[in-house]
């Protein structure tokens, strides 16, 4: 059972769900309680958002996936949760060049990454994650509580995770860590 969720662009949630990427880049939302992003939970539902995602914020190779995600958007007032993730490391990066070298590992555009990095304090969190496909999709009401520019939300009730299957094999995550360790310095899990 799991009742925590991380809000992320729906197109990125889909990329994670399909194994096209296995990391999350976070700066934090405007409404973060402490003013900056923190890893409050290391296991959470991927909560797809549609408000801020934009074609210009993605690499061109992600545009067809964006079109697919927008076409499959659930009806207004509904949030569809299909995957959850486990943080497998935390990299707090305080220099932009190493982050820009990760572009082959994610779908955000270089400009979007640079803008996120520069917002408020120049830094970015890189979170390698192991993503799991839930045994069944969960549709929940999109309440006013879930709105706003913040990263974390607690769901009204815990949702079952039994029977979930990993999107990528463990070997793929080990390879991701090797690549990240070449460029970034990991910090301990929060």
Protein backbone atom coordinates (compact mmCIF):
# COMPACT_ATOMS: atom_id res chain seq x y z
CA UNK A 1 0.00 0.00 0.00
CA UNK A 2 1.28 3.44 -0.87
CA UNK A 3 -0.28 6.87 -0.46
CA UNK A 4 2.51 9.28 -1.45
CA UNK A 5 2.87 10.71 -4.95
CA UNK A 6 5.35 12.83 -6.88
CA UNK A 7 3.83 15.20 -9.43
CA UNK A 8 5.62 15.17 -12.79
CA UNK A 9 4.81 16.03 -16.40
CA UNK A 10 2.59 13.30 -17.83
CA UNK A 11 4.97 12.80 -20.77
CA UNK A 12 7.85 12.14 -18.36
CA UNK A 13 5.68 9.73 -16.35
CA UNK A 14 4.97 7.88 -19.60
CA UNK A 15 8.67 7.82 -20.50
CA UNK A 16 9.39 6.32 -17.09
CA UNK A 17 6.54 3.84 -17.55
CA UNK A 18 7.95 2.71 -20.89
CA UNK A 19 11.55 2.49 -19.70
CA UNK A 20 12.67 5.33 -21.99
CA UNK A 21 14.25 6.94 -18.98
CA UNK A 22 14.92 5.91 -15.40
CA UNK A 23 15.73 9.21 -13.75
CA UNK A 24 13.90 12.29 -12.58
CA UNK A 25 15.34 15.81 -12.62
CA UNK A 26 13.82 17.99 -9.91
CA UNK A 27 14.07 21.55 -8.79
CA UNK A 28 10.83 21.76 -6.87
CA UNK A 29 7.59 23.62 -7.27
CA UNK A 30 6.83 27.21 -6.37
CA UNK A 31 4.76 26.05 -3.39
CA UNK A 32 7.41 23.81 -1.78
CA UNK A 33 7.06 24.10 2.02
CA UNK A 34 10.77 24.76 2.62
CA UNK A 35 11.27 26.78 -0.56
CA UNK A 36 13.32 24.01 -2.20
CA UNK A 37 12.87 20.44 -3.32
CA UNK A 38 13.48 17.70 -0.78
CA UNK A 39 13.20 13.96 -1.15
CA UNK A 40 10.45 13.41 1.42
CA UNK A 41 9.75 9.88 0.29
CA UNK A 42 11.86 7.31 -1.53
CA UNK A 43 8.84 5.32 -2.74
CA UNK A 44 5.89 7.06 -4.40
CA UNK A 45 3.24 6.98 -7.11
CA UNK A 46 4.01 8.87 -10.31
CA UNK A 47 1.31 11.56 -10.45
CA UNK A 48 1.00 12.75 -14.09
CA UNK A 49 0.35 16.46 -14.61
CA UNK A 50 -0.67 18.15 -17.84
CA UNK A 51 -0.58 21.86 -16.95
CA UNK A 52 3.08 22.84 -17.39
CA UNK A 53 4.34 20.27 -19.88
CA UNK A 54 5.19 21.82 -23.21
CA UNK A 55 6.74 20.79 -26.51
CA UNK A 56 9.57 23.34 -26.14
CA UNK A 57 10.56 21.74 -22.83
CA UNK A 58 11.26 18.41 -24.51
CA UNK A 59 13.79 17.01 -26.91
CA UNK A 60 12.37 16.62 -30.40
CA UNK A 61 12.49 12.82 -30.09
CA UNK A 62 9.88 13.11 -27.28
CA UNK A 63 7.30 15.05 -29.29
CA UNK A 64 5.42 11.97 -30.56
CA UNK A 65 5.19 10.67 -26.99
CA UNK A 66 3.81 14.05 -25.85
CA UNK A 67 1.13 13.86 -28.56
CA UNK A 68 0.27 10.29 -27.46
CA UNK A 69 0.03 11.31 -23.78
CA UNK A 70 -2.15 14.32 -24.52
CA UNK A 71 -4.49 12.20 -26.66
CA UNK A 72 -4.81 9.63 -23.84
CA UNK A 73 -5.34 12.15 -21.04
CA UNK A 74 -8.02 11.01 -18.57
CA UNK A 75 -11.26 13.00 -18.36
CA UNK A 76 -11.28 16.26 -16.39
CA UNK A 77 -11.46 15.65 -12.67
CA UNK A 78 -9.69 12.28 -12.82
CA UNK A 79 -6.08 11.33 -12.06
CA UNK A 80 -4.89 7.96 -13.38
CA UNK A 81 -2.06 6.32 -11.43
CA UNK A 82 -0.46 3.34 -13.14
CA UNK A 83 3.16 3.28 -11.95
CA UNK A 84 5.15 3.91 -8.81
CA UNK A 85 8.85 4.49 -8.32
CA UNK A 86 11.58 3.86 -5.81
CA UNK A 87 14.48 6.31 -5.54
CA UNK A 88 17.72 4.43 -6.08
CA UNK A 89 20.10 7.32 -5.36
CA UNK A 90 20.24 11.08 -4.96
CA UNK A 91 22.59 13.35 -6.85
CA UNK A 92 22.46 17.01 -5.83
CA UNK A 93 24.27 18.74 -8.66
CA UNK A 94 25.57 22.30 -8.29
CA UNK A 95 27.21 22.69 -11.72
CA UNK A 96 25.27 22.82 -14.97
CA UNK A 97 27.72 21.19 -17.45
CA UNK A 98 27.51 17.67 -15.93
CA UNK A 99 23.71 17.81 -15.94
CA UNK A 100 23.66 18.85 -19.61
CA UNK A 101 25.77 15.79 -20.45
CA UNK A 102 22.91 13.55 -19.25
CA UNK A 103 20.61 14.45 -22.18
CA UNK A 104 20.81 10.93 -23.64
CA UNK A 105 19.27 9.60 -20.41
CA UNK A 106 16.07 11.71 -20.37
CA UNK A 107 13.62 13.59 -22.60
CA UNK A 108 13.81 17.19 -21.31
CA UNK A 109 15.34 19.77 -23.65
CA UNK A 110 18.68 21.37 -22.81
CA UNK A 111 16.90 24.72 -22.34
CA UNK A 112 14.37 23.23 -19.91
CA UNK A 113 17.16 21.60 -17.90
CA UNK A 114 19.16 24.86 -17.81
CA UNK A 115 16.08 26.83 -16.71
CA UNK A 116 15.29 24.37 -13.94
CA UNK A 117 18.93 24.41 -12.83
CA UNK A 118 19.08 28.24 -12.69
CA UNK A 119 15.74 28.78 -10.92
CA UNK A 120 16.34 30.44 -7.50
CA UNK A 121 19.49 28.59 -6.38
CA UNK A 122 21.68 27.06 -9.11
CA UNK A 123 21.38 23.32 -8.50
CA UNK A 124 19.33 20.33 -9.56
CA UNK A 125 18.46 16.95 -8.09
CA UNK A 126 19.01 13.90 -10.29
CA UNK A 127 17.09 10.91 -8.97
CA UNK A 128 17.64 7.51 -10.55
CA UNK A 129 14.46 5.52 -9.98
CA UNK A 130 13.24 1.99 -10.34
CA UNK A 131 9.75 2.15 -11.79
CA UNK A 132 7.06 -0.46 -11.21
CA UNK A 133 3.90 -1.08 -13.24
CA UNK A 134 0.94 -1.51 -10.90
CA UNK A 135 -1.14 -4.66 -11.29
CA UNK A 136 -4.11 -2.37 -12.01
CA UNK A 137 -4.60 1.30 -12.84
CA UNK A 138 -6.10 3.47 -10.12
CA UNK A 139 -8.35 6.38 -11.01
CA UNK A 140 -8.86 8.90 -8.25
CA UNK A 141 -10.75 12.22 -8.11
CA UNK A 142 -8.55 15.22 -8.91
CA UNK A 143 -9.29 17.34 -5.85
CA UNK A 144 -8.30 20.95 -5.14
CA UNK A 145 -5.66 19.62 -2.73
CA UNK A 146 -3.73 18.07 -5.62
CA UNK A 147 -3.54 21.35 -7.55
CA UNK A 148 -0.70 23.85 -7.35
CA UNK A 149 3.03 23.89 -8.04
CA UNK A 150 4.40 21.47 -5.49
CA UNK A 151 6.21 18.23 -5.94
CA UNK A 152 4.68 15.97 -3.29
CA UNK A 153 1.09 15.09 -2.45
CA UNK A 154 -0.39 12.58 -0.06
CA UNK A 155 -3.26 10.66 -1.63
CA UNK A 156 -6.60 10.51 0.16
CA UNK A 157 -6.09 6.77 0.66
CA UNK A 158 -3.28 4.28 0.20
CA UNK A 159 -3.37 2.30 -3.02
CA UNK A 160 -2.21 -1.32 -3.33
CA UNK A 161 1.14 -2.11 -4.92
CA UNK A 162 0.94 -5.91 -4.68
CA UNK A 163 1.56 -7.71 -7.95
CA UNK A 164 3.52 -4.84 -9.51
CA UNK A 165 6.20 -5.64 -12.07
CA UNK A 166 9.44 -3.71 -12.67
CA UNK A 167 9.64 -1.75 -15.92
CA UNK A 168 13.39 -2.29 -16.35
CA UNK A 169 15.65 -5.12 -15.20
CA UNK A 170 18.13 -4.49 -12.38
CA UNK A 171 21.01 -4.58 -14.89
CA UNK A 172 19.65 -1.49 -16.67
CA UNK A 173 19.65 0.42 -13.38
CA UNK A 174 23.20 -0.68 -12.63
CA UNK A 175 24.24 0.66 -16.04
CA UNK A 176 22.46 3.94 -15.32
CA UNK A 177 24.34 4.29 -12.03
CA UNK A 178 27.67 3.68 -13.76
CA UNK A 179 26.89 6.45 -16.23
CA UNK A 180 25.75 8.87 -13.51
CA UNK A 181 28.77 8.13 -11.33
CA UNK A 182 31.06 9.13 -14.18
CA UNK A 183 29.60 12.65 -14.10
CA UNK A 184 27.96 13.26 -10.73
CA UNK A 185 28.73 12.81 -7.05
CA UNK A 186 25.98 10.93 -5.17
CA UNK A 187 24.78 11.95 -1.72
CA UNK A 188 23.12 9.72 0.84
CA UNK A 189 19.43 8.93 0.60
CA UNK A 190 17.34 11.38 2.61
